[in-house]
Amino acid sequence: EVLVISLLTRMIHLTLTYGICEASSFAFATVAFLLVDFDREGACRIGDLALSIAERLDIQNSLPRVYFCIYGGVHHYFERTEDSLEYHMKAYETAMRVGDVRNAVVNR
């Protein structure tokens, strides 16, 4: 647990220092996933940031992981489960297209 938090802190620090990269969206999505039990509104804002980074940079490899963290772990506190299914299917299709079977199964 401490290692995960340390790695995420480092990833966020690198993003703020050097700019956005492919790993940035997943780092923010994971932070949102972990934060949701403590600060739901903050987690939602960070999750939206992660989604906007992933979609803006058109990061196909990270998109299934980002969608899982956000729609599987954060947005269900604010939205109906049915509203997230579309994104899980999109993540599944993207994961299968890029060969990420593990995240395809998680999003299915």
C-alpha atoms as a PDB file:
ATOM      1  CA  GLU A   1       0.000   0.000   0.000  1.00  0.00           C
ATOM      2  CA  VAL A   2       2.780   2.424   0.891  1.00  0.00           C
ATOM      3  CA  LEU A   3       4.636   1.489  -2.285  1.00  0.00           C
ATOM      4  CA  VAL A   4       1.577   2.194  -4.433  1.00  0.00           C
ATOM      5  CA  ILE A   5       1.069   5.590  -2.836  1.00  0.00           C
ATOM      6  CA  SER A   6       4.762   6.371  -3.236  1.00  0.00           C
ATOM      7  CA  LEU A   7       4.703   5.420  -6.925  1.00  0.00           C
ATOM      8  CA  LEU A   8       1.544   7.424  -7.579  1.00  0.00           C
ATOM      9  CA  THR A   9       2.984  10.446  -5.806  1.00  0.00           C
ATOM     10  CA  ARG A  10       6.096  10.180  -7.941  1.00  0.00           C
ATOM     11  CA  MET A  11       4.059   9.845 -11.148  1.00  0.00           C
ATOM     12  CA  ILE A  12       1.974  12.911 -10.288  1.00  0.00           C
ATOM     13  CA  HIS A  13       5.111  14.860  -9.360  1.00  0.00           C
ATOM     14  CA  LEU A  14       6.747  13.957 -12.685  1.00  0.00           C
ATOM     15  CA  THR A  15       3.600  15.005 -14.538  1.00  0.00           C
ATOM     16  CA  LEU A  16       3.523  18.363 -12.786  1.00  0.00           C
ATOM     17  CA  THR A  17       7.250  18.884 -13.346  1.00  0.00           C
ATOM     18  CA  TYR A  18       7.703  17.683 -16.927  1.00  0.00           C
ATOM     19  CA  GLY A  19       4.209  17.658 -18.393  1.00  0.00           C
ATOM     20  CA  ILE A  20       1.567  15.173 -19.368  1.00  0.00           C
ATOM     21  CA  CYS A  21       2.486  11.779 -20.771  1.00  0.00           C
ATOM     22  CA  GLU A  22       0.683   8.487 -21.361  1.00  0.00           C
ATOM     23  CA  ALA A  23       1.111   7.355 -17.751  1.00  0.00           C
ATOM     24  CA  SER A  24      -0.376  10.584 -16.371  1.00  0.00           C
ATOM     25  CA  SER A  25      -3.981   9.645 -17.077  1.00  0.00           C
ATOM     26  CA  PHE A  26      -3.629   6.278 -15.357  1.00  0.00           C
ATOM     27  CA  ALA A  27      -1.873   7.876 -12.376  1.00  0.00           C
ATOM     28  CA  PHE A  28      -4.685  10.387 -11.884  1.00  0.00           C
ATOM     29  CA  ALA A  29      -7.319   7.675 -12.401  1.00  0.00           C
ATOM     30  CA  THR A  30      -5.699   5.480  -9.762  1.00  0.00           C
ATOM     31  CA  VAL A  31      -5.481   8.385  -7.322  1.00  0.00           C
ATOM     32  CA  ALA A  32      -9.189   9.045  -7.881  1.00  0.00           C
ATOM     33  CA  PHE A  33      -9.943   5.349  -7.339  1.00  0.00           C
ATOM     34  CA  LEU A  34      -8.072   5.356  -4.018  1.00  0.00           C
ATOM     35  CA  LEU A  35      -9.430   8.736  -2.908  1.00  0.00           C
ATOM     36  CA  VAL A  36     -13.124   8.017  -3.466  1.00  0.00           C
ATOM     37  CA  ASP A  37     -13.717   6.615   0.028  1.00  0.00           C
ATOM     38  CA  PHE A  38     -12.324   9.755   1.650  1.00  0.00           C
ATOM     39  CA  ASP A  39     -13.329  12.594  -0.677  1.00  0.00           C
ATOM     40  CA  ARG A  40     -15.900  11.678  -3.301  1.00  0.00           C
ATOM     41  CA  GLU A  41     -16.138  15.116  -4.876  1.00  0.00           C
ATOM     42  CA  GLY A  42     -12.355  15.403  -5.133  1.00  0.00           C
ATOM     43  CA  ALA A  43     -12.128  11.906  -6.568  1.00  0.00           C
ATOM     44  CA  CYS A  44     -14.729  12.806  -9.176  1.00  0.00           C
ATOM     45  CA  ARG A  45     -12.789  15.912 -10.223  1.00  0.00           C
ATOM     46  CA  ILE A  46      -9.496  14.018 -10.419  1.00  0.00           C
ATOM     47  CA  GLY A  47     -11.228  11.234 -12.328  1.00  0.00           C
ATOM     48  CA  ASP A  48     -12.611  13.722 -14.822  1.00  0.00           C
ATOM     49  CA  LEU A  49      -9.084  15.094 -15.242  1.00  0.00           C
ATOM     50  CA  ALA A  50      -7.780  11.582 -15.928  1.00  0.00           C
ATOM     51  CA  LEU A  51     -10.498  11.008 -18.520  1.00  0.00           C
ATOM     52  CA  SER A  52      -9.839  14.301 -20.252  1.00  0.00           C
ATOM     53  CA  ILE A  53      -6.096  13.572 -20.430  1.00  0.00           C
ATOM     54  CA  ALA A  54      -6.664  10.080 -21.834  1.00  0.00           C
ATOM     55  CA  GLU A  55      -9.195  11.237 -24.398  1.00  0.00           C
ATOM     56  CA  ARG A  56      -7.319  14.380 -25.367  1.00  0.00           C
ATOM     57  CA  LEU A  57      -4.088  12.485 -25.999  1.00  0.00           C
ATOM     58  CA  ASP A  58      -6.023   9.582 -27.567  1.00  0.00           C
ATOM     59  CA  ILE A  59      -4.156   7.072 -25.431  1.00  0.00           C
ATOM     60  CA  GLN A  60      -5.568   3.742 -26.542  1.00  0.00           C
ATOM     61  CA  ASN A  61      -3.287   1.560 -24.390  1.00  0.00           C
ATOM     62  CA  SER A  62      -4.219   3.232 -21.098  1.00  0.00           C
ATOM     63  CA  LEU A  63      -7.872   3.899 -21.841  1.00  0.00           C
ATOM     64  CA  PRO A  64      -9.203   0.520 -20.573  1.00  0.00           C
ATOM     65  CA  ARG A  65      -7.380   0.935 -17.245  1.00  0.00           C
ATOM     66  CA  VAL A  66      -8.523   4.529 -16.885  1.00  0.00           C
ATOM     67  CA  TYR A  67     -12.138   3.617 -17.665  1.00  0.00           C
ATOM     68  CA  PHE A  68     -12.046   0.770 -15.154  1.00  0.00           C
ATOM     69  CA  CYS A  69     -10.740   3.018 -12.366  1.00  0.00           C
ATOM     70  CA  ILE A  70     -13.136   5.850 -13.094  1.00  0.00           C
ATOM     71  CA  TYR A  71     -16.331   4.102 -14.161  1.00  0.00           C
ATOM     72  CA  GLY A  72     -15.818   1.036 -11.994  1.00  0.00           C
ATOM     73  CA  GLY A  73     -14.592   2.793  -8.888  1.00  0.00           C
ATOM     74  CA  VAL A  74     -15.571   6.458  -8.838  1.00  0.00           C
ATOM     75  CA  HIS A  75     -18.565   7.342 -10.982  1.00  0.00           C
ATOM     76  CA  HIS A  76     -20.842   4.678  -9.555  1.00  0.00           C
ATOM     77  CA  TYR A  77     -21.107   6.897  -6.469  1.00  0.00           C
ATOM     78  CA  PHE A  78     -22.619   9.642  -8.628  1.00  0.00           C
ATOM     79  CA  GLU A  79     -24.269   7.934 -11.586  1.00  0.00           C
ATOM     80  CA  ARG A  80     -26.389   4.902 -12.243  1.00  0.00           C
ATOM     81  CA  THR A  81     -24.520   1.712 -13.095  1.00  0.00           C
ATOM     82  CA  GLU A  82     -26.310   1.519 -16.433  1.00  0.00           C
ATOM     83  CA  ASP A  83     -24.711   4.814 -17.451  1.00  0.00           C
ATOM     84  CA  SER A  84     -21.231   3.322 -17.007  1.00  0.00           C
ATOM     85  CA  LEU A  85     -21.865   0.203 -19.083  1.00  0.00           C
ATOM     86  CA  GLU A  86     -21.277   2.042 -22.349  1.00  0.00           C
ATOM     87  CA  TYR A  87     -17.807   3.059 -21.180  1.00  0.00           C
ATOM     88  CA  HIS A  88     -16.966  -0.425 -19.939  1.00  0.00           C
ATOM     89  CA  MET A  89     -17.909  -1.826 -23.349  1.00  0.00           C
ATOM     90  CA  LYS A  90     -15.813   0.848 -25.053  1.00  0.00           C
ATOM     91  CA  ALA A  91     -12.908  -0.061 -22.758  1.00  0.00           C
ATOM     92  CA  TYR A  92     -13.431  -3.755 -23.518  1.00  0.00           C
ATOM     93  CA  GLU A  93     -13.373  -3.157 -27.261  1.00  0.00           C
ATOM     94  CA  THR A  94     -10.309  -0.911 -27.020  1.00  0.00           C
ATOM     95  CA  ALA A  95      -8.473  -3.417 -24.816  1.00  0.00           C
ATOM     96  CA  MET A  96      -9.181  -6.261 -27.216  1.00  0.00           C
ATOM     97  CA  ARG A  97      -8.069  -4.131 -30.164  1.00  0.00           C
ATOM     98  CA  VAL A  98      -4.702  -3.312 -28.539  1.00  0.00           C
ATOM     99  CA  GLY A  99      -4.225  -6.842 -27.157  1.00  0.00           C
ATOM    100  CA  ASP A 100      -4.763  -6.043 -23.472  1.00  0.00           C
ATOM    101  CA  VAL A 101      -6.773  -9.135 -22.559  1.00  0.00           C
ATOM    102  CA  ARG A 102      -6.483  -8.650 -18.787  1.00  0.00           C
ATOM    103  CA  ASN A 103      -8.131  -5.231 -18.868  1.00  0.00           C
ATOM    104  CA  ALA A 104     -10.632  -6.430 -21.437  1.00  0.00           C
ATOM    105  CA  VAL A 105     -11.823  -9.097 -19.003  1.00  0.00           C
ATOM    106  CA  VAL A 106     -11.954  -6.620 -16.115  1.00  0.00           C
ATOM    107  CA  ASN A 107     -14.132  -4.239 -18.116  1.00  0.00           C
ATOM    108  CA  ARG A 108     -16.397  -6.944 -19.504  1.00  0.00           C
END
